[in-house]
Amino acid sequence: MAKKVVATLKVATGKEFAKIIRMERSPKTGAYQFNEDFIATDHIKEFLAKK
């Protein structure tokens, strides 16, 4: 059986993070690719607004 790994995205300082997955089209092939980032919850709207 496989072990299940549980990771927390909280730091002891109290700042919370979120995992953002953005789907973008590759300029080279035209296929979609998924980019993952960890961002502080304060900056989520700003990150998603820019392209």
C-alpha atoms as a PDB file:
ATOM      1  CA  MET A   1       0.000   0.000   0.000  1.00  0.00           C
ATOM      2  CA  ALA A   2       1.135   3.511  -0.710  1.00  0.00           C
ATOM      3  CA  LYS A   3       1.574   6.083   2.011  1.00  0.00           C
ATOM      4  CA  LYS A   4      -0.527   9.190   1.851  1.00  0.00           C
ATOM      5  CA  VAL A   5       1.443  12.414   2.238  1.00  0.00           C
ATOM      6  CA  VAL A   6      -0.369  15.332   3.813  1.00  0.00           C
ATOM      7  CA  ALA A   7       1.260  18.714   3.354  1.00  0.00           C
ATOM      8  CA  THR A   8       0.171  21.911   4.996  1.00  0.00           C
ATOM      9  CA  LEU A   9       0.605  25.294   3.349  1.00  0.00           C
ATOM     10  CA  LYS A  10       0.607  27.288   6.568  1.00  0.00           C
ATOM     11  CA  VAL A  11       3.718  28.854   8.008  1.00  0.00           C
ATOM     12  CA  ALA A  12       4.251  29.404  11.723  1.00  0.00           C
ATOM     13  CA  THR A  13       4.092  33.179  11.168  1.00  0.00           C
ATOM     14  CA  GLY A  14       0.399  32.907  10.314  1.00  0.00           C
ATOM     15  CA  LYS A  15       0.634  33.785   6.617  1.00  0.00           C
ATOM     16  CA  GLU A  16      -1.573  31.551   4.507  1.00  0.00           C
ATOM     17  CA  PHE A  17      -0.761  30.310   1.029  1.00  0.00           C
ATOM     18  CA  ALA A  18      -2.857  28.894  -1.779  1.00  0.00           C
ATOM     19  CA  LYS A  19      -1.925  26.673  -4.688  1.00  0.00           C
ATOM     20  CA  ILE A  20      -2.935  28.296  -7.968  1.00  0.00           C
ATOM     21  CA  ILE A  21      -3.182  26.221 -11.152  1.00  0.00           C
ATOM     22  CA  ARG A  22      -3.433  28.277 -14.327  1.00  0.00           C
ATOM     23  CA  MET A  23      -4.093  26.831 -17.783  1.00  0.00           C
ATOM     24  CA  GLU A  24      -2.135  28.585 -20.535  1.00  0.00           C
ATOM     25  CA  ARG A  25      -1.656  27.929 -24.222  1.00  0.00           C
ATOM     26  CA  SER A  26       1.887  27.127 -25.314  1.00  0.00           C
ATOM     27  CA  PRO A  27       3.134  29.605 -27.936  1.00  0.00           C
ATOM     28  CA  LYS A  28       5.300  26.915 -29.526  1.00  0.00           C
ATOM     29  CA  THR A  29       2.848  24.045 -30.031  1.00  0.00           C
ATOM     30  CA  GLY A  30      -0.547  25.600 -29.322  1.00  0.00           C
ATOM     31  CA  ALA A  31      -1.314  22.898 -26.743  1.00  0.00           C
ATOM     32  CA  TYR A  32      -2.509  23.764 -23.272  1.00  0.00           C
ATOM     33  CA  GLN A  33      -0.119  23.543 -20.338  1.00  0.00           C
ATOM     34  CA  PHE A  34      -0.778  23.860 -16.626  1.00  0.00           C
ATOM     35  CA  ASN A  35       1.352  26.129 -14.447  1.00  0.00           C
ATOM     36  CA  GLU A  36       1.258  25.703 -10.676  1.00  0.00           C
ATOM     37  CA  ASP A  37       2.255  28.404  -8.191  1.00  0.00           C
ATOM     38  CA  PHE A  38       2.064  28.900  -4.446  1.00  0.00           C
ATOM     39  CA  ILE A  39       0.893  32.437  -3.643  1.00  0.00           C
ATOM     40  CA  ALA A  40      -0.019  34.269  -0.457  1.00  0.00           C
ATOM     41  CA  THR A  41      -3.784  34.589  -0.155  1.00  0.00           C
ATOM     42  CA  ASP A  42      -3.414  38.390  -0.091  1.00  0.00           C
ATOM     43  CA  HIS A  43      -2.180  38.445  -3.702  1.00  0.00           C
ATOM     44  CA  ILE A  44      -4.483  35.933  -5.423  1.00  0.00           C
ATOM     45  CA  LYS A  45      -6.713  38.459  -7.216  1.00  0.00           C
ATOM     46  CA  GLU A  46      -3.704  40.422  -8.472  1.00  0.00           C
ATOM     47  CA  PHE A  47      -2.040  37.266  -9.786  1.00  0.00           C
ATOM     48  CA  LEU A  48      -5.149  36.059 -11.623  1.00  0.00           C
ATOM     49  CA  ALA A  49      -5.820  39.504 -13.127  1.00  0.00           C
ATOM     50  CA  LYS A  50      -2.504  39.642 -15.009  1.00  0.00           C
ATOM     51  CA  LYS A  51      -1.850  37.459 -18.037  1.00  0.00           C
END
